[in-house]
Amino acid sequence: MSYDRYVAICHPLRYSAILSWRLCITLAITSWACGSLVVLVHVSLILRLPFCGPHEINHFFCELLSVLRLACADTWLNQVVILAASLLVLVGPFCLVLVSYTHIFFAVLKIQSREGRRKAFSTCFSHLCVVGLFFGSALVIYMTPKSSHPEEQQKVLFLFHSIFNPMLNPLIYSLRGTELKSALRRALCKESHC
């Protein structure tokens, strides 16, 4: 989506030529293939580990880091692969999003009219909110040292990242609409009796 916003704002006249169906399908297939490959690597590495003791995961779902805590063998290879995958799947795309939004920001600043700048920023704001929530929680989960977050706090972060982020997406993207904003104001105003 950040590339879509970049092309729409920085190269609006060439938008349909740059973002063709072929490119969109290629981007989607590449994304699915990379995600599937990362999962396949993690699963193959977990299957080689012996597990002993209680076979209960202290988590809401079968999350990778929680499963690794139950292993009886050394999990350093798994930890290295998790770090490498986090750099590839989280930090890499996050940096690309930041670069595209930096270009967008400077292109928007060149727009002469105040209304034009406001419209351009408002189209990007909802996507930046979603990107911030998604990447922010994922980076905290996978890129911080184990000891910095207690296990219960980790569970809450995973819950937020896995359930609340996807639930908030439709709300965040629909808040761009002026009709929804006014309806939300009216509903909140009724509750607080203003």
C-alpha atoms as a PDB file:
ATOM      1  CA  MET A   1       0.000   0.000   0.000  1.00  0.00           C
ATOM      2  CA  SER A   2       2.855   2.385   0.653  1.00  0.00           C
ATOM      3  CA  TYR A   3       4.111   1.818  -2.891  1.00  0.00           C
ATOM      4  CA  ASP A   4       0.581   2.479  -4.161  1.00  0.00           C
ATOM      5  CA  ARG A   5       0.474   5.756  -2.183  1.00  0.00           C
ATOM      6  CA  TYR A   6       3.971   6.651  -3.412  1.00  0.00           C
ATOM      7  CA  VAL A   7       3.042   6.169  -7.072  1.00  0.00           C
ATOM      8  CA  ALA A   8      -0.329   7.933  -6.633  1.00  0.00           C
ATOM      9  CA  ILE A   9       1.222  11.029  -5.052  1.00  0.00           C
ATOM     10  CA  CYS A  10       4.689  11.203  -6.630  1.00  0.00           C
ATOM     11  CA  HIS A  11       3.799   9.944 -10.143  1.00  0.00           C
ATOM     12  CA  PRO A  12       0.035  10.474 -10.552  1.00  0.00           C
ATOM     13  CA  LEU A  13       0.036  10.704 -14.336  1.00  0.00           C
ATOM     14  CA  ARG A  14       1.884   7.397 -14.712  1.00  0.00           C
ATOM     15  CA  TYR A  15      -0.103   5.584 -11.991  1.00  0.00           C
ATOM     16  CA  SER A  16      -1.953   3.084 -14.208  1.00  0.00           C
ATOM     17  CA  ALA A  17       1.169   2.375 -16.261  1.00  0.00           C
ATOM     18  CA  ILE A  18       3.365   1.730 -13.208  1.00  0.00           C
ATOM     19  CA  LEU A  19       0.848  -0.168 -11.067  1.00  0.00           C
ATOM     20  CA  SER A  20      -0.402  -2.614 -13.665  1.00  0.00           C
ATOM     21  CA  TRP A  21      -2.312  -5.787 -12.834  1.00  0.00           C
ATOM     22  CA  ARG A  22       0.810  -7.776 -13.588  1.00  0.00           C
ATOM     23  CA  LEU A  23       2.837  -5.862 -10.992  1.00  0.00           C
ATOM     24  CA  CYS A  24       0.061  -6.147  -8.393  1.00  0.00           C
ATOM     25  CA  ILE A  25      -0.194  -9.918  -8.907  1.00  0.00           C
ATOM     26  CA  THR A  26       3.608 -10.234  -8.782  1.00  0.00           C
ATOM     27  CA  LEU A  27       3.745  -8.286  -5.511  1.00  0.00           C
ATOM     28  CA  ALA A  28       0.967 -10.410  -3.980  1.00  0.00           C
ATOM     29  CA  ILE A  29       2.530 -13.718  -5.055  1.00  0.00           C
ATOM     30  CA  THR A  30       5.960 -12.612  -3.831  1.00  0.00           C
ATOM     31  CA  SER A  31       4.492 -11.634  -0.477  1.00  0.00           C
ATOM     32  CA  TRP A  32       2.651 -14.967  -0.082  1.00  0.00           C
ATOM     33  CA  ALA A  33       5.691 -16.959  -1.212  1.00  0.00           C
ATOM     34  CA  CYS A  34       8.035 -15.196   1.236  1.00  0.00           C
ATOM     35  CA  GLY A  35       5.562 -15.665   4.084  1.00  0.00           C
ATOM     36  CA  SER A  36       5.104 -19.342   3.251  1.00  0.00           C
ATOM     37  CA  LEU A  37       8.852 -19.894   3.006  1.00  0.00           C
ATOM     38  CA  VAL A  38       9.471 -18.293   6.408  1.00  0.00           C
ATOM     39  CA  VAL A  39       6.772 -20.449   8.007  1.00  0.00           C
ATOM     40  CA  LEU A  40       8.110 -23.588   6.319  1.00  0.00           C
ATOM     41  CA  VAL A  41      11.619 -22.907   7.646  1.00  0.00           C
ATOM     42  CA  HIS A  42      10.318 -22.340  11.187  1.00  0.00           C
ATOM     43  CA  VAL A  43       8.185 -25.484  11.125  1.00  0.00           C
ATOM     44  CA  SER A  44      11.033 -27.643   9.798  1.00  0.00           C
ATOM     45  CA  LEU A  45      13.357 -26.350  12.525  1.00  0.00           C
ATOM     46  CA  ILE A  46      10.783 -26.938  15.261  1.00  0.00           C
ATOM     47  CA  LEU A  47      10.066 -30.488  14.091  1.00  0.00           C
ATOM     48  CA  ARG A  48      13.690 -31.485  14.732  1.00  0.00           C
ATOM     49  CA  LEU A  49      13.512 -30.466  18.427  1.00  0.00           C
ATOM     50  CA  PRO A  50      12.701 -32.886  21.260  1.00  0.00           C
ATOM     51  CA  PHE A  51      10.024 -31.745  23.704  1.00  0.00           C
ATOM     52  CA  CYS A  52       9.697 -32.906  27.290  1.00  0.00           C
ATOM     53  CA  GLY A  53       7.971 -31.856  30.473  1.00  0.00           C
ATOM     54  CA  PRO A  54       4.551 -30.251  30.429  1.00  0.00           C
ATOM     55  CA  HIS A  55       3.081 -30.191  26.963  1.00  0.00           C
ATOM     56  CA  GLU A  56       1.094 -27.054  27.652  1.00  0.00           C
ATOM     57  CA  ILE A  57       1.864 -23.736  26.051  1.00  0.00           C
ATOM     58  CA  ASN A  58       1.369 -20.718  28.276  1.00  0.00           C
ATOM     59  CA  HIS A  59      -0.196 -18.680  25.517  1.00  0.00           C
ATOM     60  CA  PHE A  60      -3.459 -17.949  23.727  1.00  0.00           C
ATOM     61  CA  PHE A  61      -2.371 -19.876  20.631  1.00  0.00           C
ATOM     62  CA  CYS A  62       0.501 -22.006  19.367  1.00  0.00           C
ATOM     63  CA  GLU A  63       3.004 -19.179  19.009  1.00  0.00           C
ATOM     64  CA  LEU A  64       6.569 -19.918  17.912  1.00  0.00           C
ATOM     65  CA  LEU A  65       8.433 -18.390  20.862  1.00  0.00           C
ATOM     66  CA  SER A  66       6.155 -20.143  23.368  1.00  0.00           C
ATOM     67  CA  VAL A  67       6.660 -23.505  21.673  1.00  0.00           C
ATOM     68  CA  LEU A  68      10.440 -23.030  21.762  1.00  0.00           C
ATOM     69  CA  ARG A  69      10.311 -22.569  25.544  1.00  0.00           C
ATOM     70  CA  LEU A  70       9.096 -26.181  25.837  1.00  0.00           C
ATOM     71  CA  ALA A  71      12.023 -27.669  23.912  1.00  0.00           C
ATOM     72  CA  CYS A  72      14.536 -29.806  25.806  1.00  0.00           C
ATOM     73  CA  ALA A  73      17.380 -29.160  23.357  1.00  0.00           C
ATOM     74  CA  ASP A  74      19.385 -26.102  22.485  1.00  0.00           C
ATOM     75  CA  THR A  75      17.276 -23.686  20.408  1.00  0.00           C
ATOM     76  CA  TRP A  76      20.030 -21.269  19.358  1.00  0.00           C
ATOM     77  CA  LEU A  77      19.550 -22.094  15.651  1.00  0.00           C
ATOM     78  CA  ASN A  78      15.829 -21.398  15.962  1.00  0.00           C
ATOM     79  CA  GLN A  79      16.572 -18.104  17.720  1.00  0.00           C
ATOM     80  CA  VAL A  80      19.028 -17.082  14.990  1.00  0.00           C
ATOM     81  CA  VAL A  81      16.493 -17.944  12.276  1.00  0.00           C
ATOM     82  CA  ILE A  82      13.790 -15.971  14.122  1.00  0.00           C
ATOM     83  CA  LEU A  83      16.103 -12.962  14.270  1.00  0.00           C
ATOM     84  CA  ALA A  84      17.045 -13.303  10.588  1.00  0.00           C
ATOM     85  CA  ALA A  85      13.399 -13.724   9.565  1.00  0.00           C
ATOM     86  CA  SER A  86      12.451 -10.705  11.679  1.00  0.00           C
ATOM     87  CA  LEU A  87      15.067  -8.617   9.923  1.00  0.00           C
ATOM     88  CA  LEU A  88      13.896  -9.853   6.522  1.00  0.00           C
ATOM     89  CA  VAL A  89      10.135  -9.793   7.092  1.00  0.00           C
ATOM     90  CA  LEU A  90       9.784  -6.907   9.565  1.00  0.00           C
ATOM     91  CA  VAL A  91      12.695  -4.498   9.389  1.00  0.00           C
ATOM     92  CA  GLY A  92      13.129  -4.710   5.598  1.00  0.00           C
ATOM     93  CA  PRO A  93       9.521  -3.878   4.678  1.00  0.00           C
ATOM     94  CA  PHE A  94       9.297  -1.316   7.480  1.00  0.00           C
ATOM     95  CA  CYS A  95      12.335   0.501   6.058  1.00  0.00           C
ATOM     96  CA  LEU A  96      10.819   0.389   2.556  1.00  0.00           C
ATOM     97  CA  VAL A  97       7.593   1.904   3.918  1.00  0.00           C
ATOM     98  CA  LEU A  98       9.577   4.644   5.663  1.00  0.00           C
ATOM     99  CA  VAL A  99      11.523   5.419   2.473  1.00  0.00           C
ATOM    100  CA  SER A 100       8.346   5.600   0.384  1.00  0.00           C
ATOM    101  CA  TYR A 101       6.646   7.866   2.939  1.00  0.00           C
ATOM    102  CA  THR A 102       9.708  10.100   3.077  1.00  0.00           C
ATOM    103  CA  HIS A 103       9.406  10.585  -0.686  1.00  0.00           C
ATOM    104  CA  ILE A 104       5.664  11.156  -0.297  1.00  0.00           C
ATOM    105  CA  PHE A 105       6.225  13.711   2.465  1.00  0.00           C
ATOM    106  CA  PHE A 106       8.619  15.774   0.367  1.00  0.00           C
ATOM    107  CA  ALA A 107       6.329  15.517  -2.686  1.00  0.00           C
ATOM    108  CA  VAL A 108       3.348  16.690  -0.628  1.00  0.00           C
ATOM    109  CA  LEU A 109       5.321  19.643   0.724  1.00  0.00           C
ATOM    110  CA  LYS A 110       5.840  20.783  -2.876  1.00  0.00           C
ATOM    111  CA  ILE A 111       2.064  21.006  -3.446  1.00  0.00           C
ATOM    112  CA  GLN A 112       1.134  24.688  -3.591  1.00  0.00           C
ATOM    113  CA  SER A 113      -2.433  24.608  -2.290  1.00  0.00           C
ATOM    114  CA  ARG A 114      -3.158  24.030   1.362  1.00  0.00           C
ATOM    115  CA  GLU A 115      -6.242  21.936   0.512  1.00  0.00           C
ATOM    116  CA  GLY A 116      -4.176  19.738  -1.805  1.00  0.00           C
ATOM    117  CA  ARG A 117      -1.606  19.090   0.921  1.00  0.00           C
ATOM    118  CA  ARG A 118      -4.363  18.298   3.426  1.00  0.00           C
ATOM    119  CA  LYS A 119      -5.993  15.787   1.050  1.00  0.00           C
ATOM    120  CA  ALA A 120      -2.667  14.116   0.283  1.00  0.00           C
ATOM    121  CA  PHE A 121      -1.768  13.809   3.970  1.00  0.00           C
ATOM    122  CA  SER A 122      -5.238  12.523   4.882  1.00  0.00           C
ATOM    123  CA  THR A 123      -5.016   9.701   2.329  1.00  0.00           C
ATOM    124  CA  CYS A 124      -1.739   8.557   3.875  1.00  0.00           C
ATOM    125  CA  PHE A 125      -2.625   9.011   7.545  1.00  0.00           C
ATOM    126  CA  SER A 126      -4.805   5.911   7.917  1.00  0.00           C
ATOM    127  CA  HIS A 127      -2.202   3.691   6.283  1.00  0.00           C
ATOM    128  CA  LEU A 128       0.517   5.116   8.527  1.00  0.00           C
ATOM    129  CA  CYS A 129      -1.632   4.332  11.590  1.00  0.00           C
ATOM    130  CA  VAL A 130      -2.067   0.715  10.513  1.00  0.00           C
ATOM    131  CA  VAL A 131       1.623   0.374   9.616  1.00  0.00           C
ATOM    132  CA  GLY A 132       2.618   1.843  12.969  1.00  0.00           C
ATOM    133  CA  LEU A 133       0.363  -0.490  14.933  1.00  0.00           C
ATOM    134  CA  PHE A 134       1.352  -3.592  12.978  1.00  0.00           C
ATOM    135  CA  PHE A 135       5.093  -3.066  12.708  1.00  0.00           C
ATOM    136  CA  GLY A 136       5.388  -1.437  16.120  1.00  0.00           C
ATOM    137  CA  SER A 137       3.871  -4.372  17.987  1.00  0.00           C
ATOM    138  CA  ALA A 138       5.700  -6.947  15.819  1.00  0.00           C
ATOM    139  CA  LEU A 139       9.068  -5.254  16.301  1.00  0.00           C
ATOM    140  CA  VAL A 140       8.554  -5.153  20.069  1.00  0.00           C
ATOM    141  CA  ILE A 141       7.560  -8.835  20.114  1.00  0.00           C
ATOM    142  CA  TYR A 142      10.292 -10.281  17.923  1.00  0.00           C
ATOM    143  CA  MET A 143      13.185  -7.830  18.087  1.00  0.00           C
ATOM    144  CA  THR A 144      13.490  -7.100  21.820  1.00  0.00           C
ATOM    145  CA  PRO A 145      15.443  -9.332  24.201  1.00  0.00           C
ATOM    146  CA  LYS A 146      13.483 -12.085  25.946  1.00  0.00           C
ATOM    147  CA  SER A 147      14.105 -10.707  29.423  1.00  0.00           C
ATOM    148  CA  SER A 148      12.721  -7.237  28.696  1.00  0.00           C
ATOM    149  CA  HIS A 149       9.064  -8.368  28.704  1.00  0.00           C
ATOM    150  CA  PRO A 150       7.464 -10.695  31.261  1.00  0.00           C
ATOM    151  CA  GLU A 151       5.546 -13.654  29.828  1.00  0.00           C
ATOM    152  CA  GLU A 152       2.128 -12.158  30.611  1.00  0.00           C
ATOM    153  CA  GLN A 153       3.073  -8.914  28.893  1.00  0.00           C
ATOM    154  CA  GLN A 154       4.240 -10.925  25.858  1.00  0.00           C
ATOM    155  CA  LYS A 155       0.840 -12.623  25.711  1.00  0.00           C
ATOM    156  CA  VAL A 156      -0.933  -9.269  25.673  1.00  0.00           C
ATOM    157  CA  LEU A 157       1.367  -7.976  22.930  1.00  0.00           C
ATOM    158  CA  PHE A 158       0.720 -11.086  20.814  1.00  0.00           C
ATOM    159  CA  LEU A 159      -3.015 -10.734  21.370  1.00  0.00           C
ATOM    160  CA  PHE A 160      -2.888  -7.092  20.303  1.00  0.00           C
ATOM    161  CA  HIS A 161      -0.765  -7.902  17.243  1.00  0.00           C
ATOM    162  CA  SER A 162      -2.782 -10.937  16.118  1.00  0.00           C
ATOM    163  CA  ILE A 163      -6.368  -9.983  16.945  1.00  0.00           C
ATOM    164  CA  PHE A 164      -6.804  -6.300  17.718  1.00  0.00           C
ATOM    165  CA  ASN A 165      -4.729  -4.971  14.809  1.00  0.00           C
ATOM    166  CA  PRO A 166      -6.829  -6.752  12.159  1.00  0.00           C
ATOM    167  CA  MET A 167     -10.016  -5.702  13.975  1.00  0.00           C
ATOM    168  CA  LEU A 168      -8.897  -2.054  14.019  1.00  0.00           C
ATOM    169  CA  ASN A 169      -7.975  -1.957  10.317  1.00  0.00           C
ATOM    170  CA  PRO A 170     -11.523  -1.464   8.963  1.00  0.00           C
ATOM    171  CA  LEU A 171     -12.215   1.185  11.581  1.00  0.00           C
ATOM    172  CA  ILE A 172      -8.993   3.083  10.886  1.00  0.00           C
ATOM    173  CA  TYR A 173      -9.452   2.979   7.109  1.00  0.00           C
ATOM    174  CA  SER A 174     -13.096   4.001   7.284  1.00  0.00           C
ATOM    175  CA  LEU A 175     -12.384   6.965   9.583  1.00  0.00           C
ATOM    176  CA  ARG A 176     -11.228   8.846   6.500  1.00  0.00           C
ATOM    177  CA  GLY A 177     -14.827   9.272   5.439  1.00  0.00           C
ATOM    178  CA  THR A 178     -16.386  12.506   6.622  1.00  0.00           C
ATOM    179  CA  GLU A 179     -19.771  10.816   7.055  1.00  0.00           C
ATOM    180  CA  LEU A 180     -18.309   8.242   9.415  1.00  0.00           C
ATOM    181  CA  LYS A 181     -16.436  10.921  11.363  1.00  0.00           C
ATOM    182  CA  SER A 182     -19.605  12.931  11.874  1.00  0.00           C
ATOM    183  CA  ALA A 183     -21.557   9.794  12.861  1.00  0.00           C
ATOM    184  CA  LEU A 184     -18.826   8.890  15.351  1.00  0.00           C
ATOM    185  CA  ARG A 185     -18.902  12.419  16.789  1.00  0.00           C
ATOM    186  CA  ARG A 186     -22.704  12.241  17.154  1.00  0.00           C
ATOM    187  CA  ALA A 187     -22.484   8.834  18.875  1.00  0.00           C
ATOM    188  CA  LEU A 188     -19.769   9.988  21.253  1.00  0.00           C
ATOM    189  CA  CYS A 189     -21.613  13.237  21.908  1.00  0.00           C
ATOM    190  CA  LYS A 190     -24.782  11.296  22.872  1.00  0.00           C
ATOM    191  CA  GLU A 191     -22.820   9.139  25.316  1.00  0.00           C
ATOM    192  CA  SER A 192     -21.149  12.097  27.007  1.00  0.00           C
ATOM    193  CA  HIS A 193     -24.369  14.221  26.831  1.00  0.00           C
ATOM    194  CA  CYS A 194     -22.702  17.223  25.191  1.00  0.00           C
END
